[in-house]
Amino acid sequence: MSALTAPGVWAVKEDDFPFLIDGTFDAATIVKANPKLDLGFFTMPSSNAAAVNRVVLNPDLSWVVPTSAPNKELAMKWLEFFSREDNYKQWLAATGSNSTQPGVTTTEVPWMDWLNEHQEDACLNVPGPWVPTGAAPEASGPVLADMVPVGRTSANDELRRSADAYAKARKA
């Protein structure tokens, strides 16, 4: 069954879900919609070699202060407060998100068991299969953390940098 159609097909089966392509951020919603559903998460395999199938952390679960922020000092103080283990764990439990903070797990959230166990070997978002092996990270697309408003690079310059890196990687 196609990954694109599977969620729709399985959604009509009340308690017969073999897999659902989704992220931990939706777990609380899924459990609320069907409390009887026993669910868990594992990483989408990228290889037949189990050792390389690591937990992938997405940048959207990271917190940043834009370079253009009018009060960076206050924003950094808020991030420091938010990232204290007790505060951060409350946020993780409420949202069902996967922790991006080293050493912080959500052991009280049942669907996080596999992810907590493998968190230590987690890696940042890997490039798609269209990106040549060994290519610079920006070859897979614009580096959002470098782009305005978070970074200093304009959208046009970041897209150009990404296109150039991809072209260079293809020639290599």
Protein backbone atom coordinates (compact mmCIF):
# COMPACT_ATOMS: atom_id res chain seq x y z
CA MET A 1 0.00 0.00 0.00
CA SER A 2 1.31 3.44 -0.88
CA ALA A 3 2.53 5.60 2.00
CA LEU A 4 0.46 8.44 0.55
CA THR A 5 -2.83 6.53 0.67
CA ALA A 6 -2.22 4.35 3.76
CA PRO A 7 -3.40 6.86 6.41
CA GLY A 8 -6.73 7.35 4.63
CA VAL A 9 -7.28 3.64 4.08
CA TRP A 10 -6.33 2.69 7.63
CA ALA A 11 -8.24 5.56 9.21
CA VAL A 12 -11.56 3.95 8.27
CA LYS A 13 -10.57 0.76 10.13
CA GLU A 14 -11.36 1.56 13.73
CA ASP A 15 -8.75 -0.63 15.45
CA ASP A 16 -6.75 -2.18 12.63
CA PHE A 17 -3.79 0.09 11.92
CA PRO A 18 -0.63 -1.73 10.86
CA PHE A 19 1.29 1.56 10.40
CA LEU A 20 0.56 5.26 10.20
CA ILE A 21 3.17 7.57 8.70
CA ASP A 22 3.27 10.38 11.24
CA GLY A 23 5.33 12.03 13.94
CA THR A 24 5.28 12.02 17.72
CA PHE A 25 3.76 15.50 17.64
CA ASP A 26 0.44 13.87 16.61
CA ALA A 27 0.44 11.10 19.23
CA ALA A 28 -1.58 13.02 21.82
CA THR A 29 -4.23 13.79 19.18
CA ILE A 30 -4.31 10.17 17.97
CA VAL A 31 -4.71 8.83 21.54
CA LYS A 32 -7.44 11.38 22.26
CA ALA A 33 -9.31 10.31 19.10
CA ASN A 34 -8.95 6.60 19.91
CA PRO A 35 -7.89 5.89 23.53
CA LYS A 36 -7.98 2.12 22.89
CA LEU A 37 -5.28 2.36 20.21
CA ASP A 38 -1.94 1.07 21.50
CA LEU A 39 0.63 2.96 19.47
CA GLY A 40 4.35 3.47 19.31
CA PHE A 41 6.87 5.09 17.02
CA PHE A 42 10.01 4.00 15.25
CA THR A 43 12.11 5.70 12.62
CA MET A 44 11.28 5.29 8.95
CA PRO A 45 13.87 2.79 7.69
CA SER A 46 16.41 4.27 5.31
CA SER A 47 18.42 1.10 4.85
CA ASN A 48 18.26 -2.67 5.26
CA ALA A 49 21.13 -2.28 7.75
CA ALA A 50 19.36 -1.77 11.10
CA ALA A 51 22.36 0.02 12.63
CA VAL A 52 22.02 3.01 10.30
CA ASN A 53 18.27 3.49 10.88
CA ARG A 54 18.56 6.13 13.55
CA VAL A 55 16.04 8.50 15.11
CA VAL A 56 15.86 11.64 12.98
CA LEU A 57 15.39 14.99 14.71
CA ASN A 58 13.74 17.66 12.62
CA PRO A 59 14.71 21.33 12.89
CA ASP A 60 11.03 22.24 13.45
CA LEU A 61 11.38 20.81 16.96
CA SER A 62 14.27 23.14 17.74
CA TRP A 63 13.98 26.62 19.15
CA VAL A 64 15.85 29.64 17.83
CA VAL A 65 15.98 33.40 18.29
CA PRO A 66 15.92 35.31 14.99
CA THR A 67 18.88 37.58 14.33
CA SER A 68 16.37 40.39 13.79
CA ALA A 69 14.63 39.90 17.16
CA PRO A 70 14.15 43.26 18.91
CA ASN A 71 14.99 41.82 22.36
CA LYS A 72 17.38 38.89 21.95
CA GLU A 73 18.42 38.96 25.60
CA LEU A 74 14.83 38.52 26.84
CA ALA A 75 14.18 35.83 24.21
CA MET A 76 17.28 33.93 25.36
CA LYS A 77 16.12 34.17 28.98
CA TRP A 78 12.74 32.74 27.96
CA LEU A 79 14.46 29.87 26.10
CA GLU A 80 16.62 29.19 29.15
CA PHE A 81 13.48 29.04 31.32
CA PHE A 82 11.60 26.89 28.80
CA SER A 83 14.51 24.47 28.38
CA ARG A 84 14.84 23.71 32.09
CA GLU A 85 14.25 19.99 32.36
CA ASP A 86 11.05 20.21 34.42
CA ASN A 87 9.47 22.83 32.10
CA TYR A 88 10.62 21.12 28.91
CA LYS A 89 9.33 17.72 30.06
CA GLN A 90 5.90 19.24 30.71
CA TRP A 91 5.87 20.63 27.17
CA LEU A 92 6.97 17.27 25.73
CA ALA A 93 4.22 15.41 27.61
CA ALA A 94 1.55 17.94 26.56
CA THR A 95 2.53 17.98 22.88
CA GLY A 96 3.81 14.43 22.41
CA SER A 97 6.93 15.81 20.74
CA ASN A 98 10.22 13.97 20.54
CA SER A 99 12.88 15.55 22.77
CA THR A 100 15.70 17.38 21.02
CA GLN A 101 17.39 18.13 24.33
CA PRO A 102 20.22 15.73 25.23
CA GLY A 103 19.42 13.60 28.26
CA VAL A 104 15.74 14.55 28.43
CA THR A 105 13.33 11.72 27.74
CA THR A 106 9.61 11.29 28.19
CA THR A 107 9.50 7.91 29.90
CA GLU A 108 6.01 8.56 31.32
CA VAL A 109 4.55 8.85 27.80
CA PRO A 110 3.94 5.26 26.64
CA TRP A 111 4.35 5.80 22.89
CA MET A 112 7.86 7.22 23.37
CA ASP A 113 9.44 3.95 24.56
CA TRP A 114 11.36 3.07 21.38
CA LEU A 115 12.33 6.67 20.68
CA ASN A 116 13.62 7.22 24.23
CA GLU A 117 15.66 4.02 23.99
CA HIS A 118 17.30 5.16 20.73
CA GLN A 119 17.51 8.91 21.37
CA GLU A 120 21.23 8.84 22.14
CA ASP A 121 22.04 7.83 18.54
CA ALA A 122 19.68 10.39 16.99
CA CYS A 123 20.81 12.47 14.03
CA LEU A 124 19.67 15.69 12.45
CA ASN A 125 17.32 15.52 9.50
CA VAL A 126 19.04 13.56 6.75
CA PRO A 127 19.00 14.67 3.11
CA GLY A 128 16.52 13.09 0.75
CA PRO A 129 17.49 10.28 -1.60
CA TRP A 130 17.85 12.72 -4.49
CA VAL A 131 20.91 14.32 -2.88
CA PRO A 132 24.26 12.84 -3.96
CA THR A 133 26.23 11.02 -1.24
CA GLY A 134 28.72 13.32 0.49
CA ALA A 135 26.98 16.51 -0.64
CA ALA A 136 26.98 19.59 1.56
CA PRO A 137 23.82 19.88 3.76
CA GLU A 138 22.53 22.85 1.76
CA ALA A 139 22.43 20.68 -1.40
CA SER A 140 19.22 19.08 -0.09
CA GLY A 141 17.42 22.42 0.08
CA PRO A 142 17.70 25.81 1.73
CA VAL A 143 19.07 25.80 5.27
CA LEU A 144 16.13 27.44 7.04
CA ALA A 145 18.24 28.32 10.09
CA ASP A 146 20.44 30.51 7.84
CA MET A 147 17.52 32.29 6.21
CA VAL A 148 15.82 35.50 7.38
CA PRO A 149 14.18 35.95 9.88
CA VAL A 150 16.07 33.29 11.84
CA GLY A 151 19.42 33.79 10.10
CA ARG A 152 20.91 36.59 8.04
CA THR A 153 20.61 35.24 4.46
CA SER A 154 17.78 36.36 2.18
CA ALA A 155 15.46 33.70 0.80
CA ASN A 156 16.78 34.31 -2.74
CA ASP A 157 20.42 34.01 -1.67
CA GLU A 158 19.72 30.87 0.37
CA LEU A 159 17.88 29.23 -2.55
CA ARG A 160 20.75 30.17 -4.88
CA ARG A 161 23.28 28.73 -2.42
CA SER A 162 21.28 25.51 -2.23
CA ALA A 163 20.99 25.21 -6.02
CA ASP A 164 24.74 25.84 -6.42
CA ALA A 165 25.59 23.22 -3.79
CA TYR A 166 23.33 20.67 -5.49
CA ALA A 167 24.87 21.38 -8.92
CA LYS A 168 28.39 21.08 -7.45
CA ALA A 169 27.52 17.78 -5.76
CA ARG A 170 26.14 16.33 -9.01
CA LYS A 171 29.36 17.20 -10.84
CA ALA A 172 31.55 15.60 -8.17
